[in-house]
N, C-alpha and C. Protein backbone atom coordinates (compact mmCIF):
# COMPACT_ATOMS: atom_id res chain seq x y z
N MET A 1 2.14 9.87 -17.56
CA MET A 1 3.20 9.02 -15.98
C MET A 1 3.27 9.88 -14.97
N LYS A 2 3.87 10.95 -15.22
CA LYS A 2 3.54 11.99 -13.42
C LYS A 2 2.29 12.13 -12.83
N ARG A 3 1.16 12.21 -13.64
CA ARG A 3 -0.23 12.05 -12.74
C ARG A 3 -0.49 10.77 -11.74
N ALA A 4 0.12 9.39 -12.90
CA ALA A 4 0.22 7.93 -11.95
C ALA A 4 1.37 8.13 -10.76
N PHE A 5 1.85 8.54 -10.86
CA PHE A 5 3.22 8.65 -9.85
C PHE A 5 2.77 9.44 -8.80
N ILE A 6 2.10 10.59 -9.15
CA ILE A 6 1.13 11.62 -8.26
C ILE A 6 0.32 10.93 -7.07
N TYR A 7 -0.57 10.29 -8.43
CA TYR A 7 -1.31 9.54 -7.29
C TYR A 7 -0.98 8.32 -6.43
N THR A 8 0.05 7.90 -6.64
CA THR A 8 0.84 6.64 -6.13
C THR A 8 1.48 7.05 -4.80
N LEU A 9 2.21 8.53 -4.90
CA LEU A 9 2.62 9.01 -3.68
C LEU A 9 1.68 9.50 -3.10
N LYS A 10 0.40 9.84 -2.84
CA LYS A 10 -0.65 9.95 -1.89
C LYS A 10 -0.99 8.55 -1.98
N VAL A 11 -1.48 7.80 -2.06
CA VAL A 11 -1.61 6.39 -1.64
C VAL A 11 -0.65 5.76 -0.72
N PHE A 12 0.65 5.81 -0.95
CA PHE A 12 1.66 5.27 -0.40
C PHE A 12 2.01 6.48 1.05
N LEU A 13 1.94 7.42 0.88
CA LEU A 13 2.44 8.81 2.32
C LEU A 13 0.75 8.09 3.27
N THR A 14 -0.57 7.92 2.67
CA THR A 14 -1.29 7.74 3.70
C THR A 14 -1.07 6.66 3.86
N THR A 15 -0.49 5.29 3.09
CA THR A 15 -0.33 4.38 3.76
C THR A 15 0.84 4.09 4.85
N ILE A 16 1.75 4.94 4.55
CA ILE A 16 3.02 4.97 5.74
C ILE A 16 2.63 5.54 7.20
N ILE A 17 1.71 6.86 6.94
CA ILE A 17 1.21 7.35 8.13
C ILE A 17 0.55 6.79 8.92
N LEU A 18 -0.62 6.20 8.41
CA LEU A 18 -1.70 5.68 8.70
C LEU A 18 -1.49 4.34 9.29
N ALA A 19 -0.69 3.38 8.61
CA ALA A 19 -0.92 2.09 9.11
C ALA A 19 -0.21 1.89 10.05
N PRO A 20 1.04 2.51 10.58
CA PRO A 20 1.64 1.75 11.52
C PRO A 20 0.81 2.34 12.58
N GLY A 21 -0.05 3.21 13.10
CA GLY A 21 -1.60 3.36 14.23
C GLY A 21 -2.07 2.41 14.06
N LEU A 22 -2.66 2.27 12.89
CA LEU A 22 -3.54 0.99 13.05
C LEU A 22 -3.09 -0.09 13.54
N ALA A 23 -2.27 -0.62 12.94
CA ALA A 23 -1.41 -1.88 13.54
C ALA A 23 -1.05 -1.62 15.02
N THR A 24 -0.53 -0.68 15.38
CA THR A 24 0.01 -0.71 16.89
C THR A 24 -1.53 -0.64 17.76
N ALA A 25 -2.87 -0.23 17.58
CA ALA A 25 -4.12 -0.46 17.78
C ALA A 25 -4.50 -1.17 17.85
N ILE A 26 -4.50 -2.52 16.95
CA ILE A 26 -4.80 -3.41 16.65
C ILE A 26 -3.57 -4.30 17.98
N THR A 27 -2.47 -4.17 17.70
CA THR A 27 -1.81 -5.18 18.69
C THR A 27 -1.93 -5.27 20.17
N PHE A 28 -2.11 -4.09 20.62
CA PHE A 28 -2.45 -3.13 22.04
C PHE A 28 -3.23 -3.86 22.03
N PHE A 29 -4.66 -3.31 21.06
CA PHE A 29 -5.78 -4.06 21.89
C PHE A 29 -5.96 -5.47 21.81
N GLY A 30 -5.73 -5.98 21.08
CA GLY A 30 -5.83 -7.33 20.68
C GLY A 30 -4.91 -8.03 21.76
N ASN A 31 -3.24 -8.04 22.50
CA ASN A 31 -2.99 -8.15 23.64
C ASN A 31 -2.74 -7.40 24.46
N PRO A 32 -3.04 -6.59 25.34
CA PRO A 32 -2.96 -5.73 26.49
C PRO A 32 -1.69 -6.33 27.41
N GLU A 33 -2.07 -7.21 27.57
CA GLU A 33 -1.08 -8.24 28.69
C GLU A 33 0.16 -7.75 28.51
N ILE A 34 0.50 -7.85 26.94
CA ILE A 34 2.07 -8.28 26.09
C ILE A 34 2.49 -6.75 26.02
N TYR A 35 1.84 -5.74 25.36
CA TYR A 35 2.25 -5.16 25.15
C TYR A 35 1.70 -3.20 25.75
N LYS A 36 2.91 -2.79 25.96
CA LYS A 36 2.66 -1.50 27.29
C LYS A 36 2.68 -0.37 26.17
N PRO A 37 1.51 1.06 26.93
CA PRO A 37 1.63 1.80 26.33
C PRO A 37 2.93 2.65 25.68
N GLU A 38 4.18 2.59 26.34
CA GLU A 38 4.93 3.00 25.67
C GLU A 38 5.71 2.28 24.37
N ASP A 39 4.89 1.34 24.29
CA ASP A 39 5.65 0.70 22.50
C ASP A 39 5.18 1.39 21.49
N ALA A 40 4.03 2.36 21.92
CA ALA A 40 3.44 2.95 21.37
C ALA A 40 4.29 4.27 20.28
N LEU A 41 5.41 4.37 21.09
CA LEU A 41 6.31 5.38 20.72
C LEU A 41 7.47 4.22 19.59
N TYR A 42 7.19 3.15 19.84
CA TYR A 42 7.71 2.53 18.31
C TYR A 42 7.31 2.61 16.96
N THR A 43 5.46 3.17 16.99
CA THR A 43 5.35 4.05 16.04
C THR A 43 6.23 4.76 14.99
N LEU A 44 6.21 6.12 16.01
CA LEU A 44 7.13 7.22 15.33
C LEU A 44 8.12 6.76 14.74
N ILE A 45 8.93 5.68 15.33
CA ILE A 45 9.80 5.57 14.25
C ILE A 45 9.65 4.67 13.58
N ILE A 46 8.57 4.20 13.17
CA ILE A 46 8.18 3.49 12.11
C ILE A 46 7.98 4.09 10.42
N ILE A 47 7.30 5.22 11.21
CA ILE A 47 6.98 6.03 9.72
C ILE A 47 8.63 6.68 8.82
N PRO A 48 9.61 7.17 10.00
CA PRO A 48 10.56 7.78 8.62
C PRO A 48 10.86 6.28 8.32
N ALA A 49 11.15 5.10 8.75
CA ALA A 49 11.48 3.84 8.08
C ALA A 49 10.76 3.05 7.01
N GLY A 50 9.14 3.37 7.05
CA GLY A 50 8.55 3.23 6.06
C GLY A 50 8.36 3.98 4.90
N LEU A 51 9.54 5.71 5.08
CA LEU A 51 9.38 5.93 4.02
C LEU A 51 10.37 5.29 3.35
N LEU A 52 11.53 5.06 3.57
CA LEU A 52 13.01 4.43 2.82
C LEU A 52 12.23 3.02 2.70
N LEU A 53 11.64 2.18 3.26
CA LEU A 53 11.48 0.63 2.75
C LEU A 53 10.46 0.71 1.56
N CYS A 54 9.72 1.96 1.66
CA CYS A 54 8.62 1.52 0.67
C CYS A 54 8.88 2.43 -0.49
N ILE A 55 10.15 2.97 -0.87
CA ILE A 55 10.82 3.48 -2.23
C ILE A 55 10.20 2.51 -3.34
N PRO A 56 11.10 1.13 -2.79
CA PRO A 56 10.36 0.03 -4.30
C PRO A 56 9.15 -0.19 -4.43
N SER A 57 8.36 -0.32 -3.58
CA SER A 57 7.01 -0.49 -3.65
C SER A 57 6.23 0.80 -4.25
N TYR A 58 6.73 1.44 -3.85
CA TYR A 58 6.00 3.18 -4.41
C TYR A 58 6.48 2.92 -6.08
N VAL A 59 7.32 3.00 -6.20
CA VAL A 59 8.55 3.09 -7.80
C VAL A 59 7.65 2.08 -8.57
N LEU A 60 7.77 0.44 -8.20
CA LEU A 60 6.37 -0.46 -8.80
C LEU A 60 5.03 0.05 -9.18
N PHE A 61 4.63 0.59 -8.19
CA PHE A 61 3.54 0.86 -8.29
C PHE A 61 3.18 1.49 -8.76
N GLY A 62 3.95 2.68 -9.09
CA GLY A 62 3.74 3.84 -9.76
C GLY A 62 3.46 3.21 -11.05
N LEU A 63 4.94 2.75 -11.66
CA LEU A 63 4.98 1.98 -13.14
C LEU A 63 3.89 1.29 -13.65
N ILE A 64 2.98 0.55 -12.50
CA ILE A 64 1.99 -0.28 -12.59
C ILE A 64 0.70 0.29 -12.96
N ALA A 65 0.61 1.58 -12.32
CA ALA A 65 -0.40 2.49 -12.11
C ALA A 65 -0.36 3.34 -13.85
N SER A 66 0.82 3.71 -13.89
CA SER A 66 1.27 4.58 -15.42
C SER A 66 0.67 3.08 -16.56
N TYR A 67 0.75 2.34 -16.81
CA TYR A 67 0.84 1.12 -17.34
C TYR A 67 -0.61 0.98 -17.93
N LEU A 68 -1.25 0.56 -16.58
CA LEU A 68 -3.00 -0.03 -16.81
C LEU A 68 -3.62 1.48 -17.22
N ASN A 69 -2.88 2.75 -17.02
CA ASN A 69 -3.92 3.89 -16.62
C ASN A 69 -3.92 3.86 -18.69
N LYS A 70 -2.58 3.43 -19.04
CA LYS A 70 -2.31 3.78 -20.58
C LYS A 70 -3.13 2.66 -21.31
N LEU A 71 -3.43 1.34 -20.20
CA LEU A 71 -3.66 0.31 -21.64
C LEU A 71 -5.04 -0.19 -20.97
N PHE A 72 -6.00 0.85 -20.12
CA PHE A 72 -7.52 0.35 -19.51
C PHE A 72 -7.97 1.47 -19.60
N GLY A 73 -9.57 1.67 -20.29
CA GLY A 73 -10.14 3.34 -20.17
C GLY A 73 -10.91 3.29 -19.00
N ASN A 74 -11.42 2.03 -18.56
CA ASN A 74 -12.42 2.20 -17.27
C ASN A 74 -11.50 2.23 -15.79
N ILE A 75 -11.96 3.69 -15.28
CA ILE A 75 -11.28 3.56 -14.19
C ILE A 75 -11.57 2.12 -12.70
N PHE A 76 -12.64 1.68 -12.44
CA PHE A 76 -12.93 0.99 -12.47
C PHE A 76 -12.07 -0.62 -12.64
N ILE A 77 -11.77 -0.59 -13.73
CA ILE A 77 -11.11 -1.71 -13.99
C ILE A 77 -9.33 -1.73 -13.35
N ILE A 78 -8.92 -0.52 -13.40
CA ILE A 78 -7.75 0.06 -13.27
C ILE A 78 -7.34 -0.11 -11.85
N LYS A 79 -8.29 0.39 -11.31
CA LYS A 79 -8.38 0.94 -9.69
C LYS A 79 -8.54 -1.05 -9.18
N THR A 80 -9.21 -1.50 -9.58
CA THR A 80 -9.25 -2.86 -9.13
C THR A 80 -8.12 -3.69 -9.35
N LEU A 81 -7.46 -3.96 -10.39
CA LEU A 81 -6.03 -4.22 -10.66
C LEU A 81 -4.96 -3.94 -9.79
N LEU A 82 -4.94 -1.88 -9.51
CA LEU A 82 -4.23 -1.72 -8.56
C LEU A 82 -4.17 -2.22 -6.92
N SER A 83 -5.79 -2.57 -6.99
CA SER A 83 -5.82 -2.99 -5.51
C SER A 83 -4.82 -4.53 -5.68
N LEU A 84 -4.96 -5.26 -6.30
CA LEU A 84 -4.50 -6.81 -6.67
C LEU A 84 -3.04 -6.59 -5.96
N ALA A 85 -2.80 -5.19 -7.20
CA ALA A 85 -0.87 -5.63 -7.07
C ALA A 85 -0.59 -4.55 -5.97
N ALA A 86 -1.40 -3.94 -5.35
CA ALA A 86 -0.93 -3.64 -3.88
C ALA A 86 -0.90 -4.59 -2.93
N LEU A 87 -1.43 -5.80 -3.09
CA LEU A 87 -1.07 -6.90 -1.69
C LEU A 87 -0.41 -7.60 -1.89
N PRO A 88 0.50 -7.67 -3.08
CA PRO A 88 2.05 -8.64 -2.92
C PRO A 88 3.28 -7.41 -2.78
N LEU A 89 2.50 -6.13 -3.35
CA LEU A 89 3.80 -5.29 -3.19
C LEU A 89 4.01 -4.25 -1.61
N THR A 90 2.75 -5.07 -0.64
CA THR A 90 2.78 -4.88 0.42
C THR A 90 3.82 -5.18 1.36
N LEU A 91 4.03 -6.69 0.84
CA LEU A 91 5.21 -7.34 1.43
C LEU A 91 6.56 -7.38 1.01
N LEU A 92 7.06 -6.86 -0.36
CA LEU A 92 8.22 -6.21 -0.43
C LEU A 92 9.15 -5.32 0.51
N PRO A 93 8.06 -4.49 1.22
CA PRO A 93 9.28 -3.82 2.65
C PRO A 93 9.45 -4.16 3.87
N PHE A 94 8.48 -5.14 4.13
CA PHE A 94 9.05 -6.69 5.02
C PHE A 94 9.98 -7.88 4.57
N GLY A 95 9.67 -7.83 3.63
CA GLY A 95 11.10 -8.51 2.98
C GLY A 95 12.75 -7.99 3.01
N ILE A 96 12.22 -6.77 2.36
CA ILE A 96 13.37 -5.93 2.62
C ILE A 96 13.94 -5.51 3.98
N MET A 97 13.47 -4.98 4.82
CA MET A 97 13.60 -5.51 6.49
C MET A 97 13.94 -6.55 6.60
N ASN A 98 12.84 -7.65 6.96
CA ASN A 98 13.00 -8.69 7.70
C ASN A 98 13.13 -9.87 6.77
N TYR A 99 13.25 -10.39 5.85
CA TYR A 99 12.71 -11.26 4.98
C TYR A 99 12.34 -13.13 5.83
N HIS A 100 13.42 -13.14 6.97
CA HIS A 100 12.62 -14.69 7.41
C HIS A 100 11.34 -14.21 8.80
N THR A 101 10.88 -12.83 8.69
CA THR A 101 9.50 -13.17 8.95
C THR A 101 8.19 -13.24 8.36
N ILE A 102 8.44 -13.40 6.98
CA ILE A 102 7.45 -13.56 5.67
C ILE A 102 7.87 -15.17 5.70
N ILE A 103 9.37 -15.67 5.80
CA ILE A 103 9.72 -17.03 5.31
C ILE A 103 9.09 -18.39 6.40
N ASN A 104 9.54 -17.37 7.73
CA ASN A 104 9.40 -18.77 8.97
C ASN A 104 8.00 -18.24 9.52
N SER A 105 6.82 -19.71 9.04
CA SER A 105 5.62 -19.12 9.58
C SER A 105 5.40 -18.95 11.30
N ASN A 106 6.17 -18.97 11.91
CA ASN A 106 6.56 -18.86 13.00
C ASN A 106 5.85 -17.42 13.28
N TYR A 107 6.50 -16.74 12.78
CA TYR A 107 6.34 -15.14 12.69
C TYR A 107 5.44 -14.33 12.63
N TRP A 108 4.23 -15.66 11.61
CA TRP A 108 2.98 -14.76 10.67
C TRP A 108 2.14 -14.07 11.51
N PRO A 109 1.65 -14.94 13.21
CA PRO A 109 0.80 -14.01 14.04
C PRO A 109 1.35 -12.90 14.93
N SER A 110 2.77 -12.48 14.42
CA SER A 110 3.08 -11.65 14.86
C SER A 110 3.08 -10.41 13.92
N ILE A 111 3.23 -10.51 12.80
CA ILE A 111 3.26 -9.31 11.58
C ILE A 111 2.19 -9.32 10.67
N ALA A 112 0.70 -10.40 11.18
CA ALA A 112 -0.27 -10.56 9.99
C ALA A 112 -0.84 -8.83 10.74
N PRO A 113 -1.32 -8.37 11.62
CA PRO A 113 -1.51 -7.23 12.03
C PRO A 113 -0.96 -5.80 11.16
N TRP A 114 0.39 -6.16 11.29
CA TRP A 114 1.04 -5.13 10.23
C TRP A 114 0.81 -5.29 8.54
N LEU A 115 0.73 -6.38 8.53
CA LEU A 115 0.63 -6.67 6.89
C LEU A 115 -0.82 -6.24 6.84
N GLY A 116 -1.59 -6.85 7.44
CA GLY A 116 -3.09 -6.67 7.36
C GLY A 116 -3.65 -4.93 7.16
N SER A 117 -2.53 -4.35 8.30
CA SER A 117 -2.98 -2.66 8.42
C SER A 117 -2.54 -1.91 6.99
N TYR A 118 -1.29 -2.11 6.61
CA TYR A 118 -0.27 -1.65 5.61
C TYR A 118 -1.25 -2.06 4.03
N ALA A 119 -1.77 -3.15 3.87
CA ALA A 119 -2.58 -3.98 2.89
C ALA A 119 -3.70 -3.16 2.40
N GLY A 120 -4.49 -3.00 3.58
CA GLY A 120 -5.90 -2.41 3.93
C GLY A 120 -5.92 -0.70 4.00
N ILE A 121 -5.18 -0.40 4.33
CA ILE A 121 -4.61 1.32 4.20
C ILE A 121 -4.42 1.10 2.41
N THR A 122 -3.47 0.84 1.85
CA THR A 122 -3.54 0.70 0.55
C THR A 122 -4.80 0.58 -0.16
N VAL A 123 -5.01 -0.27 -0.09
CA VAL A 123 -6.26 -1.05 -1.19
C VAL A 123 -6.95 0.20 -0.63
N LEU A 124 -8.30 0.65 0.38
CA LEU A 124 -8.36 1.85 0.62
C LEU A 124 -7.97 3.09 0.32
N GLY A 125 -6.81 3.27 0.10
CA GLY A 125 -5.94 4.45 -0.58
C GLY A 125 -6.25 4.53 -1.68
N VAL A 126 -6.21 3.32 -2.87
CA VAL A 126 -6.46 3.27 -4.33
C VAL A 126 -7.61 4.09 -4.40
N TRP A 127 -8.86 3.48 -3.72
CA TRP A 127 -10.06 3.91 -4.01
C TRP A 127 -10.51 5.07 -3.18
N VAL A 128 -10.03 5.75 -2.77
CA VAL A 128 -10.31 7.13 -2.11
C VAL A 128 -9.99 8.10 -2.73
N TYR A 129 -8.44 8.02 -3.60
CA TYR A 129 -7.97 8.86 -4.57
C TYR A 129 -8.89 8.84 -5.59
N ARG A 130 -8.72 10.03 -6.50
CA ARG A 130 -8.98 10.23 -7.87
C ARG A 130 -7.89 10.00 -8.39
N LEU A 131 -7.92 8.75 -9.48
CA LEU A 131 -7.09 8.86 -10.45
C LEU A 131 -7.79 9.14 -11.59
N ASN A 132 -7.03 10.08 -12.66
CA ASN A 132 -7.45 10.77 -13.49
C ASN A 132 -7.31 10.01 -14.89
N ARG A 133 -8.04 9.45 -15.48
CA ARG A 133 -8.01 8.88 -17.05
C ARG A 133 -6.92 9.62 -17.62
N LEU A 134 -5.71 9.08 -18.30
CA LEU A 134 -4.35 9.54 -19.14
C LEU A 134 -5.05 9.79 -20.56
N ILE A 135 -5.28 10.71 -21.18
CA ILE A 135 -5.80 11.06 -22.51
C ILE A 135 -4.79 10.74 -23.79
N THR A 136 -4.97 9.94 -24.14
CA THR A 136 -4.00 9.26 -25.69
C THR A 136 -4.59 9.16 -26.76
N ASN A 137 -3.41 9.26 -27.98
CA ASN A 137 -4.06 9.35 -28.98
C ASN A 137 -4.66 7.65 -29.58
N THR A 138 -3.78 6.68 -28.73
CA THR A 138 -4.41 5.50 -29.26
C THR A 138 -5.38 4.97 -27.97
N PRO A 139 -6.70 4.75 -28.44
CA PRO A 139 -7.92 4.12 -28.29
C PRO A 139 -7.06 2.93 -27.05
N PRO A 140 -7.97 3.14 -25.84
CA PRO A 140 -7.64 1.94 -24.80
C PRO A 140 -8.47 0.41 -25.41
N LEU A 141 -7.80 -0.46 -24.77
CA LEU A 141 -8.68 -1.58 -24.65
C LEU A 141 -9.83 -1.23 -24.49
N GLN A 142 -10.32 -1.54 -23.29
CA GLN A 142 -11.91 -1.54 -22.79
C GLN A 142 -12.14 0.00 -22.64
N GLN A 143 -13.20 0.67 -23.71
CA GLN A 143 -13.43 1.77 -23.35
C GLN A 143 -14.37 2.10 -22.42
N GLY A 144 -15.18 2.54 -21.51
CA GLY A 144 -15.81 2.78 -20.73
C GLY A 144 -15.90 3.88 -20.11
N TYR A 145 -17.03 3.95 -18.90
CA TYR A 145 -16.81 5.19 -17.88
C TYR A 145 -15.99 5.50 -17.12
N THR A 146 -16.01 6.43 -16.84
CA THR A 146 -14.80 7.22 -15.86
C THR A 146 -15.37 7.52 -14.38
N ILE A 147 -14.64 7.65 -13.86
CA ILE A 147 -15.34 7.67 -12.29
C ILE A 147 -14.37 8.83 -11.97
């Protein structure tokens, strides 16, 4: 379980640090007439806020990673399922912070770069970092090679 939480900590710290910068760049270059360079300072505020808001997602993602690591023997299957689990878990911090932006479709164009960058960096982190297979006495459901 400890290995799974260290793995998910790496993934989420990467997401929290890189995603705000990517989202700021997308919004700045996507609409340069609306956004000013001073708006990039907002990114520095989002990183500490993201650390706090992503704690529930991190814990759930760690539990899912630990469970999948015990259940499956193939790292490719585990990482694929973790990638799928990361997508809805990306919505959780946004729902905690400001749930009406997710419910009301008028806000979707303004939060799409943020959701996309957080989800994309999280899925990228799932595949970049190495997840070691947990060795147990019980055989996993699907035996396979490990990456």
